[in-house]
Amino acid sequence: MPSTAGSTPRPDGPLPRFSRAERLVHRVTAGLLLLCAGTAACLYLPPLAQLVGRRHLMVVVHEWSGLLLPVPVLLGLTSRAFRADLRRLNRFAPYDRQWLRAVRRGTPGPRPAGKFNAGQKLYAGWIAGAVPIMLATGLLMWFTGLLPVIPRASALFVHDLTALAIAIVVLGHLRLAYRDPEARRGMRTGVVTRAWARRNHPQWVEELTHVREDRR
């Protein structure tokens, strides 16, 4: 069974979707994000704060998990497959607009999408923009003299508001992932069935087919 997203798929076999490096980046980033969210909940929600206690430990874990959050992505840049997928996520194709229109209208049936659909691209863009905001405001709260012109209360307000928005978006992401076992399998094992790919990412299958034909 193939384990890398860059290998050439067999005509009748499963399709390689994510490399080992990409899956590792996803798992570590998700773990750090959940650690940030969990410790934040223990700091802000009184029932959890009373149940867990050890407030200083929660603060330290929250701060360091937040600081480490960009590290997996930066290390992932050493992977060719990861860089290729970042380029895919950063490009909006005409069929992505068709996908969004189909979702908005509730059109049933397969929707056009490359390796990542328009919703996944928007989600990735949102997280890529929100994490630096969280990191910057967190540093301003941690080192209060870093930028004296920005009050700590302002940094706290932006930090909390962005955290709430991230929580809502991530919950939506988890909900969609829960409803699609094959997508979870792709992230867990690195491969997906050809039938699932044709149904959910037809342009990606076509791209892989062209690559295979060009290599003959």
N, C-alpha and C. Protein backbone atom coordinates (compact mmCIF):
# COMPACT_ATOMS: atom_id res chain seq x y z
N MET A 1 0.85 -1.20 0.00
CA MET A 1 0.00 0.00 0.00
C MET A 1 0.88 1.23 0.00
N PRO A 2 0.66 2.20 -0.88
CA PRO A 2 1.50 3.39 -0.93
C PRO A 2 1.34 4.24 0.30
N SER A 3 2.42 4.89 0.69
CA SER A 3 2.37 5.71 1.91
C SER A 3 2.72 7.16 1.67
N THR A 4 3.02 7.54 0.43
CA THR A 4 3.36 8.92 0.15
C THR A 4 2.44 9.48 -0.90
N ALA A 5 2.19 10.81 -0.76
CA ALA A 5 1.27 11.47 -1.68
C ALA A 5 1.89 11.71 -3.04
N GLY A 6 3.20 11.54 -3.16
CA GLY A 6 3.85 11.83 -4.42
C GLY A 6 4.04 10.62 -5.31
N SER A 7 3.69 9.39 -4.85
CA SER A 7 3.89 8.20 -5.65
C SER A 7 2.81 8.09 -6.70
N THR A 8 3.09 7.31 -7.76
CA THR A 8 2.13 7.15 -8.85
C THR A 8 1.14 6.05 -8.51
N PRO A 9 -0.17 6.33 -8.49
CA PRO A 9 -1.16 5.33 -8.11
C PRO A 9 -1.38 4.31 -9.20
N ARG A 10 -1.77 3.10 -8.80
CA ARG A 10 -2.15 2.08 -9.77
C ARG A 10 -3.51 2.42 -10.33
N PRO A 11 -3.80 2.05 -11.57
CA PRO A 11 -5.09 2.40 -12.19
C PRO A 11 -6.29 1.90 -11.40
N ASP A 12 -6.13 0.75 -10.71
CA ASP A 12 -7.27 0.17 -10.01
C ASP A 12 -7.07 0.16 -8.49
N GLY A 13 -6.01 0.78 -8.02
CA GLY A 13 -5.71 0.71 -6.60
C GLY A 13 -6.12 1.96 -5.86
N PRO A 14 -5.89 1.98 -4.53
CA PRO A 14 -6.20 3.18 -3.74
C PRO A 14 -5.28 4.32 -4.14
N LEU A 15 -5.71 5.53 -3.86
CA LEU A 15 -4.94 6.71 -4.22
C LEU A 15 -4.16 7.23 -3.03
N PRO A 16 -2.87 7.49 -3.19
CA PRO A 16 -2.10 8.11 -2.10
C PRO A 16 -2.50 9.56 -1.94
N ARG A 17 -2.92 9.94 -0.74
CA ARG A 17 -3.45 11.30 -0.53
C ARG A 17 -2.50 12.16 0.29
N PHE A 18 -1.98 11.64 1.40
CA PHE A 18 -1.09 12.44 2.24
C PHE A 18 0.16 11.64 2.57
N SER A 19 1.30 12.32 2.52
CA SER A 19 2.56 11.67 2.88
C SER A 19 2.66 11.53 4.40
N ARG A 20 3.66 10.76 4.82
CA ARG A 20 3.85 10.56 6.27
C ARG A 20 4.15 11.90 6.95
N ALA A 21 4.95 12.74 6.30
CA ALA A 21 5.29 14.04 6.89
C ALA A 21 4.04 14.91 7.05
N GLU A 22 3.16 14.90 6.05
CA GLU A 22 1.94 15.70 6.13
C GLU A 22 1.03 15.22 7.26
N ARG A 23 0.92 13.91 7.40
CA ARG A 23 0.07 13.37 8.46
C ARG A 23 0.65 13.71 9.84
N LEU A 24 1.96 13.70 9.94
CA LEU A 24 2.60 14.02 11.22
C LEU A 24 2.40 15.49 11.56
N VAL A 25 2.54 16.37 10.56
CA VAL A 25 2.30 17.81 10.79
C VAL A 25 0.86 18.03 11.27
N HIS A 26 -0.08 17.37 10.62
CA HIS A 26 -1.49 17.51 10.99
C HIS A 26 -1.74 17.04 12.42
N ARG A 27 -1.17 15.89 12.78
CA ARG A 27 -1.42 15.33 14.11
C ARG A 27 -0.81 16.19 15.21
N VAL A 28 0.43 16.63 15.00
CA VAL A 28 1.09 17.43 16.04
C VAL A 28 0.40 18.80 16.16
N THR A 29 0.07 19.41 15.03
CA THR A 29 -0.63 20.71 15.08
C THR A 29 -1.98 20.57 15.76
N ALA A 30 -2.73 19.52 15.42
CA ALA A 30 -4.03 19.30 16.06
C ALA A 30 -3.86 19.07 17.56
N GLY A 31 -2.84 18.31 17.94
CA GLY A 31 -2.60 18.06 19.36
C GLY A 31 -2.28 19.34 20.12
N LEU A 32 -1.43 20.19 19.54
CA LEU A 32 -1.09 21.46 20.19
C LEU A 32 -2.30 22.38 20.27
N LEU A 33 -3.11 22.39 19.21
CA LEU A 33 -4.30 23.23 19.20
C LEU A 33 -5.29 22.78 20.27
N LEU A 34 -5.49 21.47 20.39
CA LEU A 34 -6.39 20.95 21.42
C LEU A 34 -5.83 21.21 22.81
N LEU A 35 -4.51 21.14 22.95
CA LEU A 35 -3.90 21.43 24.25
C LEU A 35 -4.12 22.89 24.62
N CYS A 36 -3.98 23.79 23.64
CA CYS A 36 -4.25 25.21 23.88
C CYS A 36 -5.70 25.41 24.30
N ALA A 37 -6.61 24.78 23.56
CA ALA A 37 -8.03 24.95 23.85
C ALA A 37 -8.39 24.37 25.21
N GLY A 38 -7.85 23.20 25.52
CA GLY A 38 -8.16 22.55 26.79
C GLY A 38 -7.67 23.34 27.99
N THR A 39 -6.43 23.83 27.91
CA THR A 39 -5.90 24.61 29.03
C THR A 39 -6.60 25.96 29.14
N ALA A 40 -7.00 26.54 27.98
CA ALA A 40 -7.76 27.80 28.03
C ALA A 40 -9.09 27.60 28.72
N ALA A 41 -9.74 26.47 28.42
CA ALA A 41 -11.02 26.18 29.08
C ALA A 41 -10.84 26.03 30.59
N CYS A 42 -9.73 25.42 30.99
CA CYS A 42 -9.47 25.26 32.43
C CYS A 42 -9.16 26.59 33.10
N LEU A 43 -8.72 27.57 32.31
CA LEU A 43 -8.41 28.88 32.88
C LEU A 43 -9.63 29.80 32.92
N TYR A 44 -10.55 29.64 31.97
CA TYR A 44 -11.64 30.60 31.82
C TYR A 44 -12.98 30.10 32.35
N LEU A 45 -13.17 28.79 32.42
CA LEU A 45 -14.45 28.25 32.87
C LEU A 45 -14.34 27.85 34.34
N PRO A 46 -15.04 28.53 35.23
CA PRO A 46 -14.91 28.26 36.67
C PRO A 46 -15.10 26.80 37.06
N PRO A 47 -16.12 26.08 36.55
CA PRO A 47 -16.27 24.67 36.96
C PRO A 47 -15.03 23.83 36.63
N LEU A 48 -14.46 24.03 35.42
CA LEU A 48 -13.25 23.30 35.05
C LEU A 48 -12.05 23.75 35.88
N ALA A 49 -11.98 25.05 36.14
CA ALA A 49 -10.86 25.58 36.93
C ALA A 49 -10.86 24.97 38.33
N GLN A 50 -12.04 24.83 38.93
CA GLN A 50 -12.14 24.24 40.26
C GLN A 50 -11.84 22.74 40.22
N LEU A 51 -12.26 22.08 39.14
CA LEU A 51 -12.05 20.64 39.03
C LEU A 51 -10.58 20.30 38.83
N VAL A 52 -9.90 21.06 37.97
CA VAL A 52 -8.50 20.75 37.64
C VAL A 52 -7.53 21.38 38.62
N GLY A 53 -7.79 22.64 39.00
CA GLY A 53 -6.86 23.33 39.88
C GLY A 53 -5.54 23.60 39.15
N ARG A 54 -4.44 23.73 39.92
CA ARG A 54 -3.10 23.89 39.34
C ARG A 54 -3.12 24.95 38.24
N ARG A 55 -3.61 26.12 38.58
CA ARG A 55 -3.75 27.19 37.59
C ARG A 55 -2.41 27.58 36.97
N HIS A 56 -1.37 27.65 37.78
CA HIS A 56 -0.07 28.04 37.24
C HIS A 56 0.40 27.05 36.18
N LEU A 57 0.20 25.77 36.44
CA LEU A 57 0.60 24.75 35.45
C LEU A 57 -0.20 24.92 34.17
N MET A 58 -1.51 25.19 34.29
CA MET A 58 -2.34 25.39 33.10
C MET A 58 -1.86 26.60 32.30
N VAL A 59 -1.45 27.65 32.99
CA VAL A 59 -0.95 28.85 32.30
C VAL A 59 0.33 28.51 31.53
N VAL A 60 1.24 27.81 32.17
CA VAL A 60 2.52 27.47 31.53
C VAL A 60 2.29 26.58 30.31
N VAL A 61 1.45 25.56 30.46
CA VAL A 61 1.18 24.65 29.34
C VAL A 61 0.50 25.39 28.20
N HIS A 62 -0.43 26.28 28.55
CA HIS A 62 -1.14 27.05 27.52
C HIS A 62 -0.16 27.95 26.76
N GLU A 63 0.71 28.63 27.48
CA GLU A 63 1.65 29.54 26.83
C GLU A 63 2.61 28.79 25.91
N TRP A 64 3.17 27.69 26.37
CA TRP A 64 4.17 27.00 25.57
C TRP A 64 3.56 26.21 24.42
N SER A 65 2.37 25.67 24.61
CA SER A 65 1.72 24.99 23.48
C SER A 65 1.35 26.00 22.40
N GLY A 66 0.99 27.23 22.80
CA GLY A 66 0.72 28.28 21.83
C GLY A 66 1.97 28.71 21.09
N LEU A 67 3.08 28.84 21.80
CA LEU A 67 4.33 29.22 21.15
C LEU A 67 4.81 28.15 20.18
N LEU A 68 4.57 26.90 20.50
CA LEU A 68 5.03 25.80 19.65
C LEU A 68 4.11 25.52 18.47
N LEU A 69 2.93 26.14 18.44
CA LEU A 69 1.93 25.83 17.42
C LEU A 69 2.44 26.00 15.99
N PRO A 70 3.22 27.04 15.67
CA PRO A 70 3.69 27.16 14.27
C PRO A 70 4.83 26.21 13.92
N VAL A 71 5.46 25.58 14.92
CA VAL A 71 6.66 24.79 14.67
C VAL A 71 6.42 23.60 13.73
N PRO A 72 5.36 22.79 13.92
CA PRO A 72 5.15 21.67 12.99
C PRO A 72 5.04 22.10 11.54
N VAL A 73 4.35 23.22 11.29
CA VAL A 73 4.21 23.69 9.91
C VAL A 73 5.56 24.13 9.36
N LEU A 74 6.36 24.83 10.17
CA LEU A 74 7.67 25.27 9.71
C LEU A 74 8.57 24.07 9.41
N LEU A 75 8.52 23.05 10.25
CA LEU A 75 9.30 21.84 9.98
C LEU A 75 8.76 21.10 8.76
N GLY A 76 7.44 21.16 8.57
CA GLY A 76 6.83 20.49 7.42
C GLY A 76 7.27 21.06 6.09
N LEU A 77 7.79 22.29 6.10
CA LEU A 77 8.24 22.91 4.85
C LEU A 77 9.42 22.17 4.24
N THR A 78 10.07 21.31 5.02
CA THR A 78 11.16 20.50 4.47
C THR A 78 10.63 19.36 3.59
N SER A 79 9.32 19.11 3.64
CA SER A 79 8.71 18.04 2.84
C SER A 79 8.20 18.60 1.52
N ARG A 80 8.59 17.97 0.41
CA ARG A 80 8.14 18.41 -0.91
C ARG A 80 6.63 18.26 -1.05
N ALA A 81 6.08 17.15 -0.55
CA ALA A 81 4.64 16.92 -0.64
C ALA A 81 3.87 17.97 0.15
N PHE A 82 4.38 18.35 1.32
CA PHE A 82 3.72 19.36 2.14
C PHE A 82 3.73 20.71 1.43
N ARG A 83 4.86 21.07 0.85
CA ARG A 83 4.93 22.35 0.13
C ARG A 83 3.98 22.35 -1.08
N ALA A 84 3.87 21.21 -1.76
CA ALA A 84 2.97 21.13 -2.91
C ALA A 84 1.52 21.33 -2.48
N ASP A 85 1.16 20.75 -1.34
CA ASP A 85 -0.22 20.90 -0.86
C ASP A 85 -0.48 22.32 -0.36
N LEU A 86 0.52 22.97 0.19
CA LEU A 86 0.34 24.38 0.57
C LEU A 86 0.05 25.24 -0.66
N ARG A 87 0.72 24.94 -1.77
CA ARG A 87 0.45 25.68 -3.01
C ARG A 87 -0.98 25.42 -3.48
N ARG A 88 -1.43 24.18 -3.36
CA ARG A 88 -2.81 23.86 -3.75
C ARG A 88 -3.81 24.62 -2.88
N LEU A 89 -3.55 24.66 -1.58
CA LEU A 89 -4.45 25.35 -0.66
C LEU A 89 -4.49 26.85 -0.90
N ASN A 90 -3.42 27.38 -1.46
CA ASN A 90 -3.30 28.82 -1.65
C ASN A 90 -3.85 29.30 -2.99
N ARG A 91 -4.37 28.38 -3.81
CA ARG A 91 -4.86 28.75 -5.14
C ARG A 91 -6.34 28.44 -5.26
N PHE A 92 -7.08 29.44 -5.68
CA PHE A 92 -8.52 29.28 -5.89
C PHE A 92 -8.77 29.11 -7.38
N ALA A 93 -9.26 27.95 -7.78
CA ALA A 93 -9.53 27.65 -9.18
C ALA A 93 -10.99 27.99 -9.51
N PRO A 94 -11.33 28.09 -10.80
CA PRO A 94 -12.72 28.37 -11.18
C PRO A 94 -13.71 27.34 -10.61
N TYR A 95 -13.29 26.06 -10.55
CA TYR A 95 -14.22 25.06 -10.03
C TYR A 95 -14.45 25.22 -8.52
N ASP A 96 -13.55 25.92 -7.83
CA ASP A 96 -13.79 26.19 -6.41
C ASP A 96 -14.98 27.13 -6.22
N ARG A 97 -15.13 28.08 -7.12
CA ARG A 97 -16.30 28.96 -7.06
C ARG A 97 -17.57 28.17 -7.36
N GLN A 98 -17.47 27.22 -8.28
CA GLN A 98 -18.61 26.35 -8.57
C GLN A 98 -18.98 25.53 -7.34
N TRP A 99 -17.97 25.06 -6.62
CA TRP A 99 -18.20 24.28 -5.39
C TRP A 99 -18.94 25.12 -4.36
N LEU A 100 -18.49 26.37 -4.18
CA LEU A 100 -19.14 27.25 -3.21
C LEU A 100 -20.58 27.56 -3.60
N ARG A 101 -20.82 27.77 -4.90
CA ARG A 101 -22.19 28.03 -5.34
C ARG A 101 -23.07 26.81 -5.11
N ALA A 102 -22.53 25.63 -5.36
CA ALA A 102 -23.30 24.40 -5.15
C ALA A 102 -23.64 24.21 -3.68
N VAL A 103 -22.70 24.53 -2.80
CA VAL A 103 -22.95 24.41 -1.35
C VAL A 103 -23.98 25.44 -0.91
N ARG A 104 -23.86 26.66 -1.41
CA ARG A 104 -24.80 27.72 -1.02
C ARG A 104 -26.22 27.41 -1.46
N ARG A 105 -26.34 26.81 -2.63
CA ARG A 105 -27.67 26.49 -3.15
C ARG A 105 -28.17 25.13 -2.68
N GLY A 106 -27.31 24.36 -2.02
CA GLY A 106 -27.70 23.04 -1.57
C GLY A 106 -27.88 22.06 -2.71
N THR A 107 -27.11 22.24 -3.79
CA THR A 107 -27.22 21.35 -4.95
C THR A 107 -26.72 19.96 -4.59
N PRO A 108 -27.53 18.92 -4.77
CA PRO A 108 -27.09 17.57 -4.44
C PRO A 108 -26.12 17.01 -5.48
N GLY A 109 -25.48 15.91 -5.14
CA GLY A 109 -24.60 15.25 -6.08
C GLY A 109 -23.16 15.69 -5.95
N PRO A 110 -22.25 15.10 -6.73
CA PRO A 110 -20.83 15.45 -6.68
C PRO A 110 -20.60 16.92 -7.02
N ARG A 111 -19.63 17.51 -6.35
CA ARG A 111 -19.27 18.90 -6.58
C ARG A 111 -17.82 18.97 -7.03
N PRO A 112 -17.50 19.89 -7.94
CA PRO A 112 -16.13 19.95 -8.47
C PRO A 112 -15.13 20.38 -7.41
N ALA A 113 -14.04 19.66 -7.33
CA ALA A 113 -13.00 20.00 -6.36
C ALA A 113 -11.69 19.33 -6.76
N GLY A 114 -10.59 20.02 -6.50
CA GLY A 114 -9.27 19.45 -6.68
C GLY A 114 -8.92 18.60 -5.47
N LYS A 115 -7.64 18.52 -5.12
CA LYS A 115 -7.26 17.72 -3.96
C LYS A 115 -7.92 18.26 -2.70
N PHE A 116 -8.12 19.57 -2.65
CA PHE A 116 -8.83 20.20 -1.54
C PHE A 116 -10.00 20.99 -2.11
N ASN A 117 -11.16 20.86 -1.48
CA ASN A 117 -12.30 21.64 -1.96
C ASN A 117 -12.22 23.07 -1.43
N ALA A 118 -13.13 23.91 -1.91
CA ALA A 118 -13.07 25.33 -1.55
C ALA A 118 -13.25 25.54 -0.05
N GLY A 119 -14.08 24.72 0.60
CA GLY A 119 -14.26 24.84 2.04
C GLY A 119 -12.99 24.55 2.80
N GLN A 120 -12.24 23.53 2.38
CA GLN A 120 -10.98 23.21 3.04
C GLN A 120 -9.95 24.31 2.83
N LYS A 121 -9.98 24.93 1.65
CA LYS A 121 -9.05 26.04 1.38
C LYS A 121 -9.38 27.25 2.27
N LEU A 122 -10.66 27.54 2.42
CA LEU A 122 -11.05 28.65 3.28
C LEU A 122 -10.70 28.36 4.74
N TYR A 123 -10.91 27.14 5.17
CA TYR A 123 -10.57 26.76 6.54
C TYR A 123 -9.07 26.90 6.78
N ALA A 124 -8.25 26.40 5.84
CA ALA A 124 -6.81 26.49 6.00
C ALA A 124 -6.36 27.95 6.02
N GLY A 125 -6.95 28.78 5.16
CA GLY A 125 -6.61 30.20 5.15
C GLY A 125 -6.99 30.89 6.45
N TRP A 126 -8.15 30.51 6.99
CA TRP A 126 -8.60 31.11 8.26
C TRP A 126 -7.64 30.75 9.39
N ILE A 127 -7.27 29.47 9.50
CA ILE A 127 -6.37 29.05 10.56
C ILE A 127 -5.00 29.71 10.39
N ALA A 128 -4.53 29.78 9.13
CA ALA A 128 -3.23 30.40 8.87
C ALA A 128 -3.21 31.87 9.28
N GLY A 129 -4.34 32.55 9.19
CA GLY A 129 -4.41 33.94 9.61
C GLY A 129 -4.67 34.11 11.09
N ALA A 130 -5.43 33.20 11.68
CA ALA A 130 -5.82 33.34 13.08
C ALA A 130 -4.68 32.98 14.05
N VAL A 131 -3.89 31.98 13.69
CA VAL A 131 -2.82 31.55 14.61
C VAL A 131 -1.79 32.66 14.86
N PRO A 132 -1.31 33.38 13.84
CA PRO A 132 -0.40 34.49 14.14
C PRO A 132 -1.02 35.57 15.01
N ILE A 133 -2.33 35.82 14.84
CA ILE A 133 -3.01 36.80 15.70
C ILE A 133 -3.00 36.31 17.14
N MET A 134 -3.30 35.03 17.34
CA MET A 134 -3.28 34.47 18.69
C MET A 134 -1.88 34.53 19.29
N LEU A 135 -0.88 34.22 18.47
CA LEU A 135 0.50 34.24 18.95
C LEU A 135 0.93 35.66 19.32
N ALA A 136 0.61 36.63 18.47
CA ALA A 136 1.01 38.02 18.72
C ALA A 136 0.32 38.58 19.97
N THR A 137 -0.99 38.37 20.07
CA THR A 137 -1.70 38.90 21.24
C THR A 137 -1.30 38.17 22.51
N GLY A 138 -1.00 36.87 22.39
CA GLY A 138 -0.53 36.13 23.55
C GLY A 138 0.81 36.67 24.05
N LEU A 139 1.71 36.98 23.13
CA LEU A 139 3.00 37.56 23.52
C LEU A 139 2.82 38.92 24.17
N LEU A 140 1.88 39.72 23.64
CA LEU A 140 1.62 41.04 24.24
C LEU A 140 1.07 40.91 25.65
N MET A 141 0.30 39.86 25.89
CA MET A 141 -0.22 39.64 27.24
C MET A 141 0.86 39.09 28.17
N TRP A 142 1.75 38.28 27.60
CA TRP A 142 2.81 37.67 28.39
C TRP A 142 3.89 38.70 28.73
N PHE A 143 4.34 39.43 27.72
CA PHE A 143 5.36 40.47 27.90
C PHE A 143 4.67 41.83 27.74
N THR A 144 4.17 42.35 28.84
CA THR A 144 3.34 43.54 28.79
C THR A 144 4.09 44.77 28.30
N GLY A 145 5.42 44.78 28.40
CA GLY A 145 6.19 45.95 27.95
C GLY A 145 6.67 45.83 26.53
N LEU A 146 6.24 44.78 25.81
CA LEU A 146 6.73 44.56 24.45
C LEU A 146 6.32 45.69 23.52
N LEU A 147 5.05 46.07 23.57
CA LEU A 147 4.54 47.20 22.79
C LEU A 147 3.67 48.04 23.73
N PRO A 148 4.26 49.01 24.40
CA PRO A 148 3.51 49.79 25.40
C PRO A 148 2.31 50.52 24.82
N VAL A 149 2.32 50.80 23.50
CA VAL A 149 1.21 51.55 22.92
C VAL A 149 -0.06 50.70 22.84
N ILE A 150 0.08 49.38 22.97
CA ILE A 150 -1.09 48.49 22.92
C ILE A 150 -1.39 48.02 24.33
N PRO A 151 -2.50 48.45 24.94
CA PRO A 151 -2.82 48.03 26.30
C PRO A 151 -3.04 46.52 26.38
N ARG A 152 -2.73 45.95 27.53
CA ARG A 152 -2.92 44.52 27.72
C ARG A 152 -4.39 44.14 27.57
N ALA A 153 -5.29 45.03 28.00
CA ALA A 153 -6.72 44.74 27.90
C ALA A 153 -7.14 44.60 26.44
N SER A 154 -6.56 45.40 25.56
CA SER A 154 -6.89 45.29 24.14
C SER A 154 -6.39 43.97 23.56
N ALA A 155 -5.17 43.60 23.91
CA ALA A 155 -4.62 42.32 23.45
C ALA A 155 -5.46 41.16 23.96
N LEU A 156 -5.90 41.25 25.22
CA LEU A 156 -6.73 40.20 25.81
C LEU A 156 -8.06 40.08 25.07
N PHE A 157 -8.66 41.22 24.74
CA PHE A 157 -9.94 41.21 24.04
C PHE A 157 -9.82 40.54 22.68
N VAL A 158 -8.80 40.92 21.90
CA VAL A 158 -8.60 40.33 20.57
C VAL A 158 -8.26 38.85 20.70
N HIS A 159 -7.44 38.51 21.68
CA HIS A 159 -7.05 37.12 21.89
C HIS A 159 -8.27 36.25 22.19
N ASP A 160 -9.12 36.70 23.11
CA ASP A 160 -10.30 35.93 23.49
C ASP A 160 -11.30 35.83 22.34
N LEU A 161 -11.50 36.93 21.62
CA LEU A 161 -12.45 36.92 20.51
C LEU A 161 -11.99 36.00 19.39
N THR A 162 -10.69 36.04 19.08
CA THR A 162 -10.15 35.15 18.04
C THR A 162 -10.21 33.70 18.49
N ALA A 163 -9.95 33.46 19.76
CA ALA A 163 -10.01 32.09 20.29
C ALA A 163 -11.42 31.53 20.16
N LEU A 164 -12.43 32.35 20.45
CA LEU A 164 -13.81 31.90 20.31
C LEU A 164 -14.13 31.56 18.86
N ALA A 165 -13.67 32.42 17.94
CA ALA A 165 -13.92 32.16 16.51
C ALA A 165 -13.21 30.89 16.07
N ILE A 166 -11.97 30.67 16.52
CA ILE A 166 -11.24 29.46 16.17
C ILE A 166 -11.98 28.23 16.70
N ALA A 167 -12.49 28.32 17.93
CA ALA A 167 -13.20 27.18 18.52
C ALA A 167 -14.42 26.82 17.68
N ILE A 168 -15.16 27.81 17.22
CA ILE A 168 -16.35 27.55 16.41
C ILE A 168 -15.97 26.90 15.08
N VAL A 169 -14.94 27.45 14.44
CA VAL A 169 -14.52 26.93 13.13
C VAL A 169 -13.95 25.51 13.27
N VAL A 170 -13.16 25.28 14.30
CA VAL A 170 -12.57 23.94 14.49
C VAL A 170 -13.65 22.91 14.80
N LEU A 171 -14.65 23.30 15.60
CA LEU A 171 -15.76 22.38 15.87
C LEU A 171 -16.49 22.01 14.58
N GLY A 172 -16.67 22.99 13.69
CA GLY A 172 -17.27 22.69 12.40
C GLY A 172 -16.40 21.74 11.59
N HIS A 173 -15.10 21.94 11.63
CA HIS A 173 -14.16 21.06 10.93
C HIS A 173 -14.25 19.64 11.47
N LEU A 174 -14.29 19.51 12.79
CA LEU A 174 -14.38 18.18 13.40
C LEU A 174 -15.71 17.51 13.07
N ARG A 175 -16.77 18.29 13.02
CA ARG A 175 -18.09 17.74 12.68
C ARG A 175 -18.09 17.17 11.27
N LEU A 176 -17.53 17.91 10.32
CA LEU A 176 -17.47 17.43 8.95
C LEU A 176 -16.57 16.21 8.83
N ALA A 177 -15.45 16.21 9.57
CA ALA A 177 -14.55 15.05 9.54
C ALA A 177 -15.23 13.81 10.12
N TYR A 178 -16.01 14.01 11.17
CA TYR A 178 -16.72 12.87 11.78
C TYR A 178 -17.71 12.25 10.81
N ARG A 179 -18.30 13.09 9.95
CA ARG A 179 -19.30 12.59 9.01
C ARG A 179 -18.68 11.93 7.78
N ASP A 180 -17.37 11.98 7.63
CA ASP A 180 -16.71 11.42 6.45
C ASP A 180 -15.59 10.47 6.88
N PRO A 181 -15.92 9.19 7.14
CA PRO A 181 -14.90 8.24 7.59
C PRO A 181 -13.76 8.06 6.58
N GLU A 182 -14.06 8.16 5.30
CA GLU A 182 -13.02 7.96 4.29
C GLU A 182 -12.00 9.10 4.32
N ALA A 183 -12.47 10.32 4.58
CA ALA A 183 -11.55 11.45 4.71
C ALA A 183 -10.65 11.24 5.92
N ARG A 184 -11.20 10.73 7.02
CA ARG A 184 -10.39 10.45 8.20
C ARG A 184 -9.38 9.34 7.91
N ARG A 185 -9.80 8.36 7.13
CA ARG A 185 -8.89 7.28 6.76
C ARG A 185 -7.71 7.83 5.95
N GLY A 186 -8.00 8.78 5.06
CA GLY A 186 -6.94 9.39 4.27
C GLY A 186 -5.91 10.08 5.13
N MET A 187 -6.36 10.77 6.19
CA MET A 187 -5.43 11.44 7.08
C MET A 187 -4.74 10.44 8.01
N ARG A 188 -5.41 9.34 8.32
CA ARG A 188 -4.83 8.36 9.24
C ARG A 188 -3.81 7.45 8.54
N THR A 189 -4.14 6.98 7.34
CA THR A 189 -3.30 5.99 6.65
C THR A 189 -2.55 6.57 5.46
N GLY A 190 -3.01 7.71 4.94
CA GLY A 190 -2.36 8.31 3.79
C GLY A 190 -2.98 7.94 2.46
N VAL A 191 -3.96 7.03 2.44
CA VAL A 191 -4.57 6.61 1.17
C VAL A 191 -6.10 6.67 1.28
N VAL A 192 -6.75 6.80 0.10
CA VAL A 192 -8.21 6.81 0.02
C VAL A 192 -8.63 5.93 -1.15
N THR A 193 -9.88 5.53 -1.16
CA THR A 193 -10.38 4.74 -2.27
C THR A 193 -10.59 5.63 -3.49
N ARG A 194 -10.46 5.03 -4.66
CA ARG A 194 -10.64 5.78 -5.90
C ARG A 194 -12.09 6.26 -6.04
N ALA A 195 -13.05 5.45 -5.57
CA ALA A 195 -14.46 5.84 -5.68
C ALA A 195 -14.74 7.09 -4.86
N TRP A 196 -14.19 7.16 -3.65
CA TRP A 196 -14.39 8.35 -2.80
C TRP A 196 -13.76 9.57 -3.45
N ALA A 197 -12.56 9.40 -4.00
CA ALA A 197 -11.87 10.53 -4.62
C ALA A 197 -12.64 11.04 -5.84
N ARG A 198 -13.18 10.13 -6.66
CA ARG A 198 -13.95 10.56 -7.83
C ARG A 198 -15.22 11.29 -7.42
N ARG A 199 -15.79 10.89 -6.30
CA ARG A 199 -17.04 11.49 -5.85
C ARG A 199 -16.81 12.87 -5.21
N ASN A 200 -15.71 13.01 -4.49
CA ASN A 200 -15.48 14.23 -3.72
C ASN A 200 -14.41 15.16 -4.29
N HIS A 201 -13.47 14.61 -5.07
CA HIS A 201 -12.37 15.41 -5.60
C HIS A 201 -12.07 15.00 -7.04
N PRO A 202 -13.05 15.14 -7.93
CA PRO A 202 -12.89 14.63 -9.31
C PRO A 202 -11.74 15.29 -10.07
N GLN A 203 -11.50 16.59 -9.85
CA GLN A 203 -10.42 17.26 -10.56
C GLN A 203 -9.06 16.74 -10.11
N TRP A 204 -8.97 16.34 -8.86
CA TRP A 204 -7.72 15.77 -8.35
C TRP A 204 -7.43 14.42 -9.01
N VAL A 205 -8.46 13.58 -9.15
CA VAL A 205 -8.30 12.30 -9.82
C VAL A 205 -7.86 12.51 -11.26
N GLU A 206 -8.45 13.49 -11.91
CA GLU A 206 -8.07 13.80 -13.29
C GLU A 206 -6.62 14.26 -13.35
N GLU A 207 -6.21 15.06 -12.38
CA GLU A 207 -4.81 15.52 -12.33
C GLU A 207 -3.85 14.35 -12.18
N LEU A 208 -4.18 13.41 -11.28
CA LEU A 208 -3.33 12.24 -11.09
C LEU A 208 -3.28 11.37 -12.34
N THR A 209 -4.41 11.27 -13.03
CA THR A 209 -4.45 10.48 -14.26
C THR A 209 -3.54 11.07 -15.33
N HIS A 210 -3.56 12.39 -15.45
CA HIS A 210 -2.70 13.06 -16.42
C HIS A 210 -1.24 12.88 -16.08
N VAL A 211 -0.91 12.96 -14.77
CA VAL A 211 0.47 12.76 -14.34
C VAL A 211 0.95 11.37 -14.70
N ARG A 212 0.08 10.37 -14.47
CA ARG A 212 0.45 8.99 -14.78
C ARG A 212 0.68 8.79 -16.26
N GLU A 213 -0.19 9.41 -17.08
CA GLU A 213 -0.04 9.28 -18.53
C GLU A 213 1.22 9.98 -19.03
N ASP A 214 1.56 11.10 -18.42
CA ASP A 214 2.77 11.83 -18.83
C ASP A 214 4.05 11.06 -18.50
N ARG A 215 3.97 10.18 -17.47
CA ARG A 215 5.16 9.44 -17.06
C ARG A 215 5.37 8.17 -17.87
N ARG A 216 4.40 7.82 -18.69
CA ARG A 216 4.54 6.60 -19.51
C ARG A 216 5.59 6.78 -20.58
